[in-house]
Every structure is written in C-alpha cells, then in structure tokens.
Amino acid sequence: MEIKRNEATLNRPMGDRVIDAPYVFTDIPTFIRQLKDEEAWEKNDRNGITVFKTNHLAIVVTVLHKGAILSENEIDGLVSIQVLEGKVKVTTADGDFDLREMQLVNLHHCQQHSIEALKDSALLITNCSVPAIN
C-alpha cells in the first residue's frame, strides 16, 4: 500500500502528515486545538482539516464559530456528522433538529442539508462515497 501524505502549505506550514496508510492514528483533541490556534480560525467563521482520506472515504475535523453556516450541502455518498463540542442545527428537507455534544446524524446519498453552529462547535464529518447497497 502506498502511504499518502498531505503536504504543508503557507497557511499550515506544519501540515505535512499521513492521511492514508495501513493505519492512521488521529488525536482529535490535538487537531481541534490546532484548528483553533490557526490564523484561519481568527479570520473566518470556520476551519477544518482532513485527517483521513482514501478514494472512497474522507474524515474531516471542522470547527465552526457560533453563527457559521455550511449551507445547502449535498454529498454524493453517505455522510455522518458528529458533534464533538458545542451545538449545531441541521436542516434537511424533512425539517430542522439540534445536535448536541456526542450526538450524530447519518445521511444517505444526495440528502441536501445545512449545518448552523448555535455555539462555537467542533464536528467530525465522515463522507463515504461508495454507493449504498439496497
């Protein structure tokens, strides 16, 4: 298996890290602290980092300031949104609901949704692009 790395950038000079290998350890609290320490968190209403990525699976840690909105998302795959810190409102075609710390919602393919941070929040978002088997 080829080990894949995410390269450092000007915004994240210490960003060189493994994102795909036979195993990838993820220290979520450390990534949350890193995201909140970066300039992007001070300048924008959100910041995020991909912690694992293959052809069919991506896992992202995202931090949102209160009031930030990830609007009208529609992912061609399954998605899981877990609140690690804070509280968010998820809006779907079937209505709105709040998610608190340690709660998650799973959405099937192409389910349009929006996420609004009701408090400063940290999310773990997992996207699986392999078609679902019915």
Protein backbone atom coordinates (compact mmCIF):
# COMPACT_ATOMS: atom_id res chain seq x y z
CA MET A 1 0.00 0.00 0.00
CA GLU A 2 1.23 3.44 -0.92
CA ILE A 3 1.32 5.83 2.03
CA LYS A 4 -0.31 9.16 1.18
CA ARG A 5 0.64 12.41 2.82
CA ASN A 6 -0.93 15.83 2.91
CA GLU A 7 1.76 18.39 2.16
CA ALA A 8 2.44 21.53 4.16
CA THR A 9 1.04 24.82 2.83
CA LEU A 10 1.66 28.50 3.53
CA ASN A 11 -1.40 28.54 5.82
CA ARG A 12 -0.42 25.29 7.51
CA PRO A 13 3.40 25.02 7.33
CA MET A 14 3.44 22.12 9.81
CA GLY A 15 0.67 20.39 7.83
CA ASP A 16 2.75 17.57 6.36
CA ARG A 17 1.07 14.45 7.76
CA VAL A 18 -0.05 10.95 6.76
CA ILE A 19 -3.68 10.85 5.60
CA ASP A 20 -3.75 7.28 4.23
CA ALA A 21 -1.68 4.28 5.31
CA PRO A 22 -2.30 0.78 6.68
CA TYR A 23 -3.29 2.63 9.87
CA VAL A 24 -3.65 6.32 10.65
CA PHE A 25 -3.86 7.43 14.28
CA THR A 26 -5.94 10.57 14.86
CA ASP A 27 -5.70 12.59 18.07
CA ILE A 28 -8.92 14.57 17.71
CA PRO A 29 -8.43 16.94 20.70
CA THR A 30 -5.00 17.90 19.33
CA PHE A 31 -6.47 18.67 15.91
CA ILE A 32 -9.25 20.78 17.48
CA ARG A 33 -6.65 22.79 19.41
CA GLN A 34 -4.55 23.18 16.25
CA LEU A 35 -7.53 24.43 14.24
CA LYS A 36 -8.42 26.98 16.92
CA ASP A 37 -4.79 28.16 17.13
CA GLU A 38 -4.51 28.81 13.39
CA GLU A 39 -4.96 32.22 11.82
CA ALA A 40 -7.83 30.88 9.68
CA TRP A 41 -9.92 30.45 12.87
CA GLU A 42 -9.36 34.10 13.75
CA LYS A 43 -10.12 35.39 10.24
CA ASN A 44 -13.01 33.12 9.18
CA ASP A 45 -16.15 31.60 10.64
CA ARG A 46 -14.73 28.06 10.28
CA ASN A 47 -11.59 25.99 9.93
CA GLY A 48 -11.10 22.33 9.07
CA ILE A 49 -8.55 19.64 8.46
CA THR A 50 -8.77 16.32 6.63
CA VAL A 51 -7.44 13.63 8.97
CA PHE A 52 -8.02 10.58 6.75
CA LYS A 53 -8.67 10.29 3.03
CA THR A 54 -8.93 7.41 0.57
CA ASN A 55 -10.65 7.13 -2.80
CA HIS A 56 -13.95 6.39 -1.04
CA LEU A 57 -13.69 7.73 2.50
CA ALA A 58 -12.85 11.15 3.91
CA ILE A 59 -12.84 12.16 7.57
CA VAL A 60 -12.63 15.86 8.46
CA VAL A 61 -12.41 17.68 11.78
CA THR A 62 -14.13 21.06 11.45
CA VAL A 63 -14.53 23.91 13.92
CA LEU A 64 -17.28 26.49 13.50
CA HIS A 65 -17.81 29.84 15.19
CA LYS A 66 -21.30 30.49 16.53
CA GLY A 67 -23.46 31.55 13.58
CA ALA A 68 -21.34 29.84 10.90
CA ILE A 69 -23.45 28.07 8.30
CA LEU A 70 -22.43 25.24 5.98
CA SER A 71 -25.31 25.73 3.59
CA GLU A 72 -27.06 23.54 1.09
CA ASN A 73 -24.62 20.64 1.16
CA GLU A 74 -25.45 17.64 -0.97
CA ILE A 75 -22.86 14.89 -0.85
CA ASP A 76 -22.81 12.06 -3.37
CA GLY A 77 -22.30 9.47 -0.68
CA LEU A 78 -23.14 8.64 2.89
CA VAL A 79 -22.27 11.28 5.46
CA SER A 80 -22.03 11.18 9.24
CA ILE A 81 -21.92 14.42 11.25
CA GLN A 82 -20.88 14.08 14.89
CA VAL A 83 -20.78 17.00 17.30
CA LEU A 84 -17.64 16.78 19.43
CA GLU A 85 -18.10 20.19 21.11
CA GLY A 86 -20.89 22.74 21.06
CA LYS A 87 -24.31 22.59 19.43
CA VAL A 88 -25.48 22.80 15.81
CA LYS A 89 -28.78 22.95 13.95
CA VAL A 90 -29.09 20.59 10.99
CA THR A 91 -31.65 21.49 8.36
CA THR A 92 -32.95 18.84 5.94
CA ALA A 93 -35.92 18.58 3.58
CA ASP A 94 -37.75 16.83 6.43
CA GLY A 95 -37.17 19.61 8.96
CA ASP A 96 -34.67 21.02 11.44
CA PHE A 97 -33.14 19.42 14.52
CA ASP A 98 -30.44 20.28 17.01
CA LEU A 99 -27.40 18.12 17.70
CA ARG A 100 -25.51 18.42 20.99
CA GLU A 101 -22.10 17.17 22.04
CA MET A 102 -21.61 13.47 21.43
CA GLN A 103 -24.65 13.18 19.17
CA LEU A 104 -24.50 12.38 15.48
CA VAL A 105 -26.70 12.16 12.42
CA ASN A 106 -26.17 9.94 9.39
CA LEU A 107 -27.49 10.97 5.98
CA HIS A 108 -27.93 8.87 2.87
CA HIS A 109 -26.78 9.77 -0.64
CA CYS A 110 -27.68 13.20 -2.00
CA GLN A 111 -29.64 14.35 1.05
CA GLN A 112 -29.46 18.13 0.92
CA HIS A 113 -28.66 19.61 4.32
CA SER A 114 -27.29 22.69 6.05
CA ILE A 115 -25.44 22.97 9.34
CA GLU A 116 -25.59 26.08 11.54
CA ALA A 117 -23.42 26.47 14.63
CA LEU A 118 -25.63 27.52 17.55
CA LYS A 119 -22.49 27.74 19.72
CA ASP A 120 -18.80 27.53 18.88
CA SER A 121 -18.62 23.90 17.78
CA ALA A 122 -16.29 21.12 16.67
CA LEU A 123 -17.53 18.44 14.28
CA LEU A 124 -16.26 15.13 12.97
CA ILE A 125 -17.60 14.72 9.43
CA THR A 126 -17.23 11.39 7.66
CA ASN A 127 -18.08 11.00 3.97
CA CYS A 128 -18.22 7.61 2.28
CA SER A 129 -18.63 7.77 -1.50
CA VAL A 130 -19.14 4.06 -2.12
CA PRO A 131 -22.69 3.59 -3.46
CA ALA A 132 -25.06 2.16 -0.91
CA ILE A 133 -26.26 -1.40 -1.38
CA ASN A 134 -30.05 -1.60 -1.18
